[in-house]
Amino acid sequence: MKYVVVFFLQLLSFHLLSQSCKGMPFFILNHGFDPGKTVFSSQEIRKRGVVMIELGSAQDPKSVHTKEFQDPSWQDAGYVGSITTGRNGDIYVLPKANVNQLYNPYKDQNTVFRIESKSGKMEKWLSLPMNALPHESNASGLMSAYYDCDADHLIVSTIAGSSQKQEIGTVYSIDVATKSYHPIIQNKDILGILTARLGTEKRLFFGLCRNSEIYSIALDSKNFPVGEARFEISLEGLGPRGDDKVRKMRMDQSGILKVAGVPFFYNLTAPVERQETNYTFRYNSLDRTWKLVELK
């Protein structure tokens, strides 16, 4: 599976309820890049780490690259996957092994890296505990990151040490000011995560690694779970493959939930071409159900 995480800086104020606070990394201007056309990619072909790209068109993420830049420190995490940005423009980066562990040692697979907003340098930011080290059957650790603006917490999921028979994944909420953290969900392997409000209730949405279902659980003001998780949506039988797992979710103020679904296995084998289907669901607040409104 190939991870690509790209975001337009001019869209940081878009109606994503829990991401409206994302700030612009200051170092972009230092390198003469146009913030309105700048994206960050984690999976450029034959390039390890994070790459900053200026596009020819802000409206077309596939447009020509007019500029590219990669600080040498941006390769220090090896191959990487999920990227997210905080309130002050710091960029949080998760390692993601690609094909083998040559550049992604097992011991660092639960380490969050950070590109500091002013200096533009990347460093190890926080290493989270592992109940068991990643291994040949599951070389993965951290899978997804989401910046929760309500609490100014970075929320991450990890499946480090899980195996076919043992599920020991965790979702952590990390206070970015103090680096203190606590688990929200334990002993569950989770791929995609999102915090959003349905009415007055804040919920963590999470897509499972082992089936095609999305669940959610209520959170208090400090991101501790409240009550039990509830089922929301299943991708089973939808799309060209029929068994996609949820890689990424985003929700707008009208209750539209956009889901990126991909094949997911615990090995490092990546397809030649990226396989991803985008699902759009609309929420009905009266009966608390989701309706599929677009698939592409």
C-alpha atoms as a PDB file:
ATOM      1  CA  MET A   1       0.000   0.000   0.000  1.00  0.00           C
ATOM      2  CA  LYS A   2       1.310   3.422  -0.907  1.00  0.00           C
ATOM      3  CA  TYR A   3       0.664   6.332   1.407  1.00  0.00           C
ATOM      4  CA  VAL A   4       0.537   9.858   0.033  1.00  0.00           C
ATOM      5  CA  VAL A   5      -0.333  12.723   2.316  1.00  0.00           C
ATOM      6  CA  VAL A   6      -0.632  16.090   0.590  1.00  0.00           C
ATOM      7  CA  PHE A   7      -2.291  19.304   1.759  1.00  0.00           C
ATOM      8  CA  PHE A   8      -2.843  22.754   0.286  1.00  0.00           C
ATOM      9  CA  LEU A   9      -1.822  25.534   2.652  1.00  0.00           C
ATOM     10  CA  GLN A  10      -4.420  27.905   1.249  1.00  0.00           C
ATOM     11  CA  LEU A  11      -7.153  25.478   2.305  1.00  0.00           C
ATOM     12  CA  LEU A  12      -6.187  25.294   5.970  1.00  0.00           C
ATOM     13  CA  SER A  13      -9.290  27.232   6.999  1.00  0.00           C
ATOM     14  CA  PHE A  14     -11.624  24.839   5.160  1.00  0.00           C
ATOM     15  CA  HIS A  15     -14.661  23.572   7.080  1.00  0.00           C
ATOM     16  CA  LEU A  16     -12.941  20.648   8.759  1.00  0.00           C
ATOM     17  CA  LEU A  17     -14.200  21.152  12.255  1.00  0.00           C
ATOM     18  CA  SER A  18     -11.174  19.886  14.112  1.00  0.00           C
ATOM     19  CA  GLN A  19      -8.502  21.149  11.724  1.00  0.00           C
ATOM     20  CA  SER A  20      -9.443  24.798  11.281  1.00  0.00           C
ATOM     21  CA  CYS A  21      -6.495  25.903  13.440  1.00  0.00           C
ATOM     22  CA  LYS A  22      -3.727  24.500  11.246  1.00  0.00           C
ATOM     23  CA  GLY A  23      -0.974  27.085  10.815  1.00  0.00           C
ATOM     24  CA  MET A  24       1.445  27.813   7.998  1.00  0.00           C
ATOM     25  CA  PRO A  25       5.021  26.576   8.485  1.00  0.00           C
ATOM     26  CA  PHE A  26       7.168  29.722   8.520  1.00  0.00           C
ATOM     27  CA  PHE A  27      10.082  28.070   6.729  1.00  0.00           C
ATOM     28  CA  ILE A  28       8.041  27.932   3.490  1.00  0.00           C
ATOM     29  CA  LEU A  29       8.592  31.649   2.962  1.00  0.00           C
ATOM     30  CA  ASN A  30      12.306  31.329   3.726  1.00  0.00           C
ATOM     31  CA  HIS A  31      12.682  29.149   0.646  1.00  0.00           C
ATOM     32  CA  GLY A  32      10.686  31.441  -1.635  1.00  0.00           C
ATOM     33  CA  PHE A  33       7.720  29.085  -2.049  1.00  0.00           C
ATOM     34  CA  ASP A  34       4.192  30.372  -2.669  1.00  0.00           C
ATOM     35  CA  PRO A  35       2.138  29.226   0.376  1.00  0.00           C
ATOM     36  CA  GLY A  36      -1.019  29.080  -1.735  1.00  0.00           C
ATOM     37  CA  LYS A  37       0.524  26.525  -4.081  1.00  0.00           C
ATOM     38  CA  THR A  38       2.700  24.557  -1.655  1.00  0.00           C
ATOM     39  CA  VAL A  39       2.091  20.944  -0.721  1.00  0.00           C
ATOM     40  CA  PHE A  40       4.010  18.350   1.269  1.00  0.00           C
ATOM     41  CA  SER A  41       4.302  14.805  -0.012  1.00  0.00           C
ATOM     42  CA  SER A  42       5.472  11.685   1.791  1.00  0.00           C
ATOM     43  CA  GLN A  43       5.679   9.381  -1.230  1.00  0.00           C
ATOM     44  CA  GLU A  44       7.448  10.953  -4.166  1.00  0.00           C
ATOM     45  CA  ILE A  45       8.869   8.265  -6.437  1.00  0.00           C
ATOM     46  CA  ARG A  46      12.474   7.367  -5.577  1.00  0.00           C
ATOM     47  CA  LYS A  47      12.569   9.984  -2.807  1.00  0.00           C
ATOM     48  CA  ARG A  48      12.747   9.043   0.845  1.00  0.00           C
ATOM     49  CA  GLY A  49      11.137  11.225   3.522  1.00  0.00           C
ATOM     50  CA  VAL A  50       9.165  14.467   3.159  1.00  0.00           C
ATOM     51  CA  VAL A  51       9.292  16.644   0.030  1.00  0.00           C
ATOM     52  CA  MET A  52       7.993  20.233  -0.246  1.00  0.00           C
ATOM     53  CA  ILE A  53       6.494  20.995  -3.661  1.00  0.00           C
ATOM     54  CA  GLU A  54       5.203  24.158  -5.310  1.00  0.00           C
ATOM     55  CA  LEU A  55       2.505  23.334  -7.861  1.00  0.00           C
ATOM     56  CA  GLY A  56       1.689  25.115 -11.075  1.00  0.00           C
ATOM     57  CA  SER A  57      -1.987  25.263 -10.088  1.00  0.00           C
ATOM     58  CA  ALA A  58      -3.408  25.433  -6.587  1.00  0.00           C
ATOM     59  CA  GLN A  59      -6.623  23.831  -7.844  1.00  0.00           C
ATOM     60  CA  ASP A  60      -4.903  20.792  -9.380  1.00  0.00           C
ATOM     61  CA  PRO A  61      -2.791  18.591  -7.080  1.00  0.00           C
ATOM     62  CA  LYS A  62      -1.549  16.724 -10.175  1.00  0.00           C
ATOM     63  CA  SER A  63      -0.262  19.860 -11.907  1.00  0.00           C
ATOM     64  CA  VAL A  64       3.389  20.400 -12.820  1.00  0.00           C
ATOM     65  CA  HIS A  65       5.931  20.849 -10.012  1.00  0.00           C
ATOM     66  CA  THR A  66       7.421  24.310 -10.423  1.00  0.00           C
ATOM     67  CA  LYS A  67       9.714  23.884  -7.400  1.00  0.00           C
ATOM     68  CA  GLU A  68      10.803  21.092  -5.072  1.00  0.00           C
ATOM     69  CA  PHE A  69      12.787  21.213  -1.848  1.00  0.00           C
ATOM     70  CA  GLN A  70      13.941  18.665   0.705  1.00  0.00           C
ATOM     71  CA  ASP A  71      16.022  19.581   3.732  1.00  0.00           C
ATOM     72  CA  PRO A  72      18.547  16.776   4.435  1.00  0.00           C
ATOM     73  CA  SER A  73      16.982  16.225   7.876  1.00  0.00           C
ATOM     74  CA  TRP A  74      13.650  15.341   6.246  1.00  0.00           C
ATOM     75  CA  GLN A  75      15.075  11.937   5.353  1.00  0.00           C
ATOM     76  CA  ASP A  76      15.993  11.105   8.946  1.00  0.00           C
ATOM     77  CA  ALA A  77      12.716   9.257   9.590  1.00  0.00           C
ATOM     78  CA  GLY A  78      13.312   6.957   6.613  1.00  0.00           C
ATOM     79  CA  TYR A  79      10.241   6.371   4.499  1.00  0.00           C
ATOM     80  CA  VAL A  80       7.229   8.140   5.971  1.00  0.00           C
ATOM     81  CA  GLY A  81       3.442   8.031   5.814  1.00  0.00           C
ATOM     82  CA  SER A  82       0.989  10.283   7.626  1.00  0.00           C
ATOM     83  CA  ILE A  83       1.743  14.031   7.849  1.00  0.00           C
ATOM     84  CA  THR A  84      -0.294  16.586   9.797  1.00  0.00           C
ATOM     85  CA  THR A  85       0.210  20.216  10.827  1.00  0.00           C
ATOM     86  CA  GLY A  86      -0.368  21.918  14.177  1.00  0.00           C
ATOM     87  CA  ARG A  87      -1.602  25.337  15.216  1.00  0.00           C
ATOM     88  CA  ASN A  88       1.838  26.987  15.060  1.00  0.00           C
ATOM     89  CA  GLY A  89       2.846  25.393  11.759  1.00  0.00           C
ATOM     90  CA  ASP A  90       4.899  22.520  13.177  1.00  0.00           C
ATOM     91  CA  ILE A  91       4.587  19.447  10.942  1.00  0.00           C
ATOM     92  CA  TYR A  92       4.251  16.019  12.567  1.00  0.00           C
ATOM     93  CA  VAL A  93       5.523  13.080  10.522  1.00  0.00           C
ATOM     94  CA  LEU A  94       5.052   9.331  11.068  1.00  0.00           C
ATOM     95  CA  PRO A  95       7.566   6.746   9.818  1.00  0.00           C
ATOM     96  CA  LYS A  96       6.214   4.122   7.411  1.00  0.00           C
ATOM     97  CA  ALA A  97       8.452   1.293   6.235  1.00  0.00           C
ATOM     98  CA  ASN A  98       8.473   0.704   2.471  1.00  0.00           C
ATOM     99  CA  VAL A  99       9.225  -2.809   1.128  1.00  0.00           C
ATOM    100  CA  ASN A 100      11.869  -3.460   3.815  1.00  0.00           C
ATOM    101  CA  GLN A 101      13.297  -2.085   7.069  1.00  0.00           C
ATOM    102  CA  LEU A 102      16.554  -0.755   5.599  1.00  0.00           C
ATOM    103  CA  TYR A 103      15.718   2.884   6.418  1.00  0.00           C
ATOM    104  CA  ASN A 104      13.021   2.243   9.051  1.00  0.00           C
ATOM    105  CA  PRO A 105      14.378   0.295  12.031  1.00  0.00           C
ATOM    106  CA  TYR A 106      11.804  -1.442  14.197  1.00  0.00           C
ATOM    107  CA  LYS A 107      12.753   0.612  17.257  1.00  0.00           C
ATOM    108  CA  ASP A 108      11.684   3.880  15.574  1.00  0.00           C
ATOM    109  CA  GLN A 109       8.333   2.722  14.209  1.00  0.00           C
ATOM    110  CA  ASN A 110       6.493   4.215  17.203  1.00  0.00           C
ATOM    111  CA  THR A 111       8.371   7.535  17.097  1.00  0.00           C
ATOM    112  CA  VAL A 112       6.700  10.787  16.024  1.00  0.00           C
ATOM    113  CA  PHE A 113       9.028  13.107  14.105  1.00  0.00           C
ATOM    114  CA  ARG A 114       8.505  16.874  13.879  1.00  0.00           C
ATOM    115  CA  ILE A 115       9.557  19.499  11.327  1.00  0.00           C
ATOM    116  CA  GLU A 116       9.824  22.683  13.380  1.00  0.00           C
ATOM    117  CA  SER A 117       7.914  25.601  11.879  1.00  0.00           C
ATOM    118  CA  LYS A 118      10.661  28.254  12.075  1.00  0.00           C
ATOM    119  CA  SER A 119      13.864  26.306  11.484  1.00  0.00           C
ATOM    120  CA  GLY A 120      12.440  23.798   9.015  1.00  0.00           C
ATOM    121  CA  LYS A 121      14.550  21.031  10.588  1.00  0.00           C
ATOM    122  CA  MET A 122      13.157  17.601  11.424  1.00  0.00           C
ATOM    123  CA  GLU A 123      13.950  15.747  14.632  1.00  0.00           C
ATOM    124  CA  LYS A 124      12.620  12.932  16.763  1.00  0.00           C
ATOM    125  CA  TRP A 125       9.821  14.480  18.804  1.00  0.00           C
ATOM    126  CA  LEU A 126       8.258  11.719  20.921  1.00  0.00           C
ATOM    127  CA  SER A 127       8.682   7.949  21.170  1.00  0.00           C
ATOM    128  CA  LEU A 128       5.547   6.158  22.328  1.00  0.00           C
ATOM    129  CA  PRO A 129       5.652   2.854  24.244  1.00  0.00           C
ATOM    130  CA  MET A 130       5.332  -0.480  22.460  1.00  0.00           C
ATOM    131  CA  ASN A 131       3.843  -3.555  24.111  1.00  0.00           C
ATOM    132  CA  ALA A 132       5.839  -5.562  21.576  1.00  0.00           C
ATOM    133  CA  LEU A 133       8.319  -4.612  18.859  1.00  0.00           C
ATOM    134  CA  PRO A 134       7.238  -4.712  15.220  1.00  0.00           C
ATOM    135  CA  HIS A 135       8.305  -7.959  13.552  1.00  0.00           C
ATOM    136  CA  GLU A 136       8.519  -9.680  10.181  1.00  0.00           C
ATOM    137  CA  SER A 137       4.792 -10.407  10.056  1.00  0.00           C
ATOM    138  CA  ASN A 138       3.924  -6.800  10.964  1.00  0.00           C
ATOM    139  CA  ALA A 139       6.668  -4.233  10.459  1.00  0.00           C
ATOM    140  CA  SER A 140       4.349  -1.292  11.127  1.00  0.00           C
ATOM    141  CA  GLY A 141       4.070   0.987  14.131  1.00  0.00           C
ATOM    142  CA  LEU A 142       2.390   4.381  13.872  1.00  0.00           C
ATOM    143  CA  MET A 143      -0.279   4.463  11.166  1.00  0.00           C
ATOM    144  CA  SER A 144      -2.237   7.742  11.238  1.00  0.00           C
ATOM    145  CA  ALA A 145      -1.980  11.203  12.786  1.00  0.00           C
ATOM    146  CA  TYR A 146      -4.673  13.846  13.225  1.00  0.00           C
ATOM    147  CA  TYR A 147      -4.301  17.268  14.860  1.00  0.00           C
ATOM    148  CA  ASP A 148      -7.250  17.945  17.144  1.00  0.00           C
ATOM    149  CA  CYS A 149      -7.666  21.713  17.398  1.00  0.00           C
ATOM    150  CA  ASP A 150     -10.246  21.558  20.195  1.00  0.00           C
ATOM    151  CA  ALA A 151      -7.662  20.277  22.688  1.00  0.00           C
ATOM    152  CA  ASP A 152      -4.449  21.087  20.783  1.00  0.00           C
ATOM    153  CA  HIS A 153      -3.625  17.404  20.930  1.00  0.00           C
ATOM    154  CA  LEU A 154      -2.001  15.223  18.305  1.00  0.00           C
ATOM    155  CA  ILE A 155      -3.955  11.978  17.989  1.00  0.00           C
ATOM    156  CA  VAL A 156      -2.084   8.976  16.588  1.00  0.00           C
ATOM    157  CA  SER A 157      -2.831   5.297  16.038  1.00  0.00           C
ATOM    158  CA  THR A 158      -0.270   2.510  16.281  1.00  0.00           C
ATOM    159  CA  ILE A 159      -0.385  -1.215  15.568  1.00  0.00           C
ATOM    160  CA  ALA A 160       3.164  -1.918  16.766  1.00  0.00           C
ATOM    161  CA  GLY A 161       3.636  -5.553  17.765  1.00  0.00           C
ATOM    162  CA  SER A 162       0.209  -6.767  16.653  1.00  0.00           C
ATOM    163  CA  SER A 163       0.063 -10.095  14.857  1.00  0.00           C
ATOM    164  CA  GLN A 164      -2.488 -12.234  13.067  1.00  0.00           C
ATOM    165  CA  LYS A 165      -3.570 -13.728  16.379  1.00  0.00           C
ATOM    166  CA  GLN A 166      -2.925 -10.815  18.756  1.00  0.00           C
ATOM    167  CA  GLU A 167      -4.395  -7.319  18.414  1.00  0.00           C
ATOM    168  CA  ILE A 168      -2.589  -4.845  20.680  1.00  0.00           C
ATOM    169  CA  GLY A 169      -2.947  -1.547  18.801  1.00  0.00           C
ATOM    170  CA  THR A 170      -3.513   1.763  20.617  1.00  0.00           C
ATOM    171  CA  VAL A 171      -4.813   5.248  19.841  1.00  0.00           C
ATOM    172  CA  TYR A 172      -3.030   7.955  21.842  1.00  0.00           C
ATOM    173  CA  SER A 173      -3.915  11.599  22.476  1.00  0.00           C
ATOM    174  CA  ILE A 174      -0.776  13.728  22.925  1.00  0.00           C
ATOM    175  CA  ASP A 175      -0.722  17.216  24.438  1.00  0.00           C
ATOM    176  CA  VAL A 176       1.653  19.026  22.059  1.00  0.00           C
ATOM    177  CA  ALA A 177       2.605  21.613  24.690  1.00  0.00           C
ATOM    178  CA  THR A 178       3.760  19.121  27.331  1.00  0.00           C
ATOM    179  CA  LYS A 179       4.211  15.874  25.323  1.00  0.00           C
ATOM    180  CA  SER A 180       2.096  14.126  27.944  1.00  0.00           C
ATOM    181  CA  TYR A 181      -0.158  11.459  26.475  1.00  0.00           C
ATOM    182  CA  HIS A 182      -2.859   8.952  27.324  1.00  0.00           C
ATOM    183  CA  PRO A 183      -4.586   6.119  25.464  1.00  0.00           C
ATOM    184  CA  ILE A 184      -8.071   6.656  24.065  1.00  0.00           C
ATOM    185  CA  ILE A 185      -8.485   3.134  22.684  1.00  0.00           C
ATOM    186  CA  GLN A 186      -6.437   0.048  23.573  1.00  0.00           C
ATOM    187  CA  ASN A 187      -6.040  -3.452  22.122  1.00  0.00           C
ATOM    188  CA  LYS A 188      -7.571  -2.469  18.792  1.00  0.00           C
ATOM    189  CA  ASP A 189      -5.751  -2.075  15.459  1.00  0.00           C
ATOM    190  CA  ILE A 190      -6.888   1.181  13.856  1.00  0.00           C
ATOM    191  CA  LEU A 191      -5.861   2.744  10.555  1.00  0.00           C
ATOM    192  CA  GLY A 192      -7.728   6.025   9.888  1.00  0.00           C
ATOM    193  CA  ILE A 193      -8.731   8.524  12.608  1.00  0.00           C
ATOM    194  CA  LEU A 194     -10.674  11.787  12.848  1.00  0.00           C
ATOM    195  CA  THR A 195     -12.212  13.978  15.534  1.00  0.00           C
ATOM    196  CA  ALA A 196     -15.387  15.880  14.680  1.00  0.00           C
ATOM    197  CA  ARG A 197     -18.542  17.230  16.267  1.00  0.00           C
ATOM    198  CA  LEU A 198     -21.969  15.846  15.612  1.00  0.00           C
ATOM    199  CA  GLY A 199     -24.202  18.493  17.124  1.00  0.00           C
ATOM    200  CA  THR A 200     -22.676  19.386  20.490  1.00  0.00           C
ATOM    201  CA  GLU A 201     -20.895  16.064  20.929  1.00  0.00           C
ATOM    202  CA  LYS A 202     -17.246  15.606  20.079  1.00  0.00           C
ATOM    203  CA  ARG A 203     -16.379  12.132  18.803  1.00  0.00           C
ATOM    204  CA  LEU A 204     -13.328  10.227  17.653  1.00  0.00           C
ATOM    205  CA  PHE A 205     -14.055   8.343  14.428  1.00  0.00           C
ATOM    206  CA  PHE A 206     -11.787   5.384  13.687  1.00  0.00           C
ATOM    207  CA  GLY A 207     -11.496   2.865  10.865  1.00  0.00           C
ATOM    208  CA  LEU A 208     -10.372  -0.656  11.733  1.00  0.00           C
ATOM    209  CA  CYS A 209      -7.405  -2.449  10.173  1.00  0.00           C
ATOM    210  CA  ARG A 210      -8.990  -5.922  10.280  1.00  0.00           C
ATOM    211  CA  ASN A 211     -12.323  -5.170   8.647  1.00  0.00           C
ATOM    212  CA  SER A 212     -14.035  -2.398   6.688  1.00  0.00           C
ATOM    213  CA  GLU A 213     -15.936  -0.800   9.562  1.00  0.00           C
ATOM    214  CA  ILE A 214     -15.874   2.706  11.030  1.00  0.00           C
ATOM    215  CA  TYR A 215     -16.759   3.275  14.688  1.00  0.00           C
ATOM    216  CA  SER A 216     -16.827   6.351  16.892  1.00  0.00           C
ATOM    217  CA  ILE A 217     -16.554   7.134  20.585  1.00  0.00           C
ATOM    218  CA  ALA A 218     -17.392  10.311  22.521  1.00  0.00           C
ATOM    219  CA  LEU A 219     -14.528  12.366  23.997  1.00  0.00           C
ATOM    220  CA  ASP A 220     -14.442  14.831  26.859  1.00  0.00           C
ATOM    221  CA  SER A 221     -12.614  18.181  26.765  1.00  0.00           C
ATOM    222  CA  LYS A 222      -9.259  16.494  27.451  1.00  0.00           C
ATOM    223  CA  ASN A 223      -9.820  13.683  24.941  1.00  0.00           C
ATOM    224  CA  PHE A 224     -10.608  10.955  27.425  1.00  0.00           C
ATOM    225  CA  PRO A 225     -13.218   8.498  26.141  1.00  0.00           C
ATOM    226  CA  VAL A 226     -16.797   8.747  27.392  1.00  0.00           C
ATOM    227  CA  GLY A 227     -19.080   5.720  27.172  1.00  0.00           C
ATOM    228  CA  GLU A 228     -18.784   2.921  24.645  1.00  0.00           C
ATOM    229  CA  ALA A 229     -17.833   2.969  20.972  1.00  0.00           C
ATOM    230  CA  ARG A 230     -20.660   2.706  18.460  1.00  0.00           C
ATOM    231  CA  PHE A 231     -20.797   1.438  14.894  1.00  0.00           C
ATOM    232  CA  GLU A 232     -21.096   4.111  12.184  1.00  0.00           C
ATOM    233  CA  ILE A 233     -20.361   2.849   8.646  1.00  0.00           C
ATOM    234  CA  SER A 234     -19.151  -0.231   6.783  1.00  0.00           C
ATOM    235  CA  LEU A 235     -17.321  -0.165   3.442  1.00  0.00           C
ATOM    236  CA  GLU A 236     -17.902  -3.908   3.040  1.00  0.00           C
ATOM    237  CA  GLY A 237     -19.162  -4.647  -0.465  1.00  0.00           C
ATOM    238  CA  LEU A 238     -18.571  -1.078  -1.679  1.00  0.00           C
ATOM    239  CA  GLY A 239     -16.099   0.108  -4.290  1.00  0.00           C
ATOM    240  CA  PRO A 240     -14.103  -1.900  -6.815  1.00  0.00           C
ATOM    241  CA  ARG A 241     -12.545  -4.217  -4.210  1.00  0.00           C
ATOM    242  CA  GLY A 242     -15.361  -4.581  -1.704  1.00  0.00           C
ATOM    243  CA  ASP A 243     -13.091  -4.867   1.337  1.00  0.00           C
ATOM    244  CA  ASP A 244     -11.339  -1.491   1.602  1.00  0.00           C
ATOM    245  CA  LYS A 245     -10.001  -0.294   4.945  1.00  0.00           C
ATOM    246  CA  VAL A 246     -10.253   3.364   5.975  1.00  0.00           C
ATOM    247  CA  ARG A 247      -6.934   5.164   5.418  1.00  0.00           C
ATOM    248  CA  LYS A 248      -8.155   8.719   5.935  1.00  0.00           C
ATOM    249  CA  MET A 249     -11.338  10.616   6.934  1.00  0.00           C
ATOM    250  CA  ARG A 250     -12.340  14.276   6.832  1.00  0.00           C
ATOM    251  CA  MET A 251     -15.683  15.875   7.740  1.00  0.00           C
ATOM    252  CA  ASP A 252     -17.191  19.295   6.963  1.00  0.00           C
ATOM    253  CA  GLN A 253     -19.725  21.409   8.853  1.00  0.00           C
ATOM    254  CA  SER A 254     -22.672  20.046   6.908  1.00  0.00           C
ATOM    255  CA  GLY A 255     -22.023  16.488   8.054  1.00  0.00           C
ATOM    256  CA  ILE A 256     -20.359  15.341   4.835  1.00  0.00           C
ATOM    257  CA  LEU A 257     -17.752  12.677   5.611  1.00  0.00           C
ATOM    258  CA  LYS A 258     -15.095  11.930   3.005  1.00  0.00           C
ATOM    259  CA  VAL A 259     -13.357   8.581   3.353  1.00  0.00           C
ATOM    260  CA  ALA A 260     -10.276   7.313   1.498  1.00  0.00           C
ATOM    261  CA  GLY A 261     -10.449   3.515   1.314  1.00  0.00           C
ATOM    262  CA  VAL A 262      -7.506   1.268   0.435  1.00  0.00           C
ATOM    263  CA  PRO A 263      -6.522  -2.392   0.569  1.00  0.00           C
ATOM    264  CA  PHE A 264      -4.614  -3.018   3.769  1.00  0.00           C
ATOM    265  CA  PHE A 265      -2.500  -5.966   4.822  1.00  0.00           C
ATOM    266  CA  TYR A 266       0.087  -6.196   7.555  1.00  0.00           C
ATOM    267  CA  ASN A 267       2.978  -6.845   5.145  1.00  0.00           C
ATOM    268  CA  LEU A 268       5.224  -4.343   3.377  1.00  0.00           C
ATOM    269  CA  THR A 269       4.356  -5.341  -0.184  1.00  0.00           C
ATOM    270  CA  ALA A 270       3.159  -2.280  -2.079  1.00  0.00           C
ATOM    271  CA  PRO A 271       1.185  -2.420  -5.348  1.00  0.00           C
ATOM    272  CA  VAL A 272       2.752  -0.911  -8.469  1.00  0.00           C
ATOM    273  CA  GLU A 273      -0.099   1.592  -8.698  1.00  0.00           C
ATOM    274  CA  ARG A 274      -1.827   3.220  -5.794  1.00  0.00           C
ATOM    275  CA  GLN A 275      -5.202   1.635  -5.131  1.00  0.00           C
ATOM    276  CA  GLU A 276      -7.566   4.065  -3.444  1.00  0.00           C
ATOM    277  CA  THR A 277     -11.290   4.747  -3.653  1.00  0.00           C
ATOM    278  CA  ASN A 278     -12.944   7.895  -2.295  1.00  0.00           C
ATOM    279  CA  TYR A 279     -16.300   7.502  -0.554  1.00  0.00           C
ATOM    280  CA  THR A 280     -18.569  10.392   0.440  1.00  0.00           C
ATOM    281  CA  PHE A 281     -21.232   9.928   3.120  1.00  0.00           C
ATOM    282  CA  ARG A 282     -23.906  12.314   4.387  1.00  0.00           C
ATOM    283  CA  TYR A 283     -25.055  12.228   8.007  1.00  0.00           C
ATOM    284  CA  ASN A 284     -28.729  12.230   8.956  1.00  0.00           C
ATOM    285  CA  SER A 285     -28.937  13.688  12.462  1.00  0.00           C
ATOM    286  CA  LEU A 286     -32.549  12.544  12.962  1.00  0.00           C
ATOM    287  CA  ASP A 287     -31.860   8.827  12.837  1.00  0.00           C
ATOM    288  CA  ARG A 288     -28.048   8.974  13.238  1.00  0.00           C
ATOM    289  CA  THR A 289     -27.357   7.126  10.016  1.00  0.00           C
ATOM    290  CA  TRP A 290     -24.958   7.658   7.114  1.00  0.00           C
ATOM    291  CA  LYS A 291     -25.881   7.534   3.434  1.00  0.00           C
ATOM    292  CA  LEU A 292     -23.381   6.944   0.635  1.00  0.00           C
ATOM    293  CA  VAL A 293     -23.771   9.850  -1.800  1.00  0.00           C
ATOM    294  CA  GLU A 294     -20.676   9.496  -4.020  1.00  0.00           C
ATOM    295  CA  LEU A 295     -18.061   6.897  -4.874  1.00  0.00           C
ATOM    296  CA  LYS A 296     -15.089   7.520  -7.164  1.00  0.00           C
END
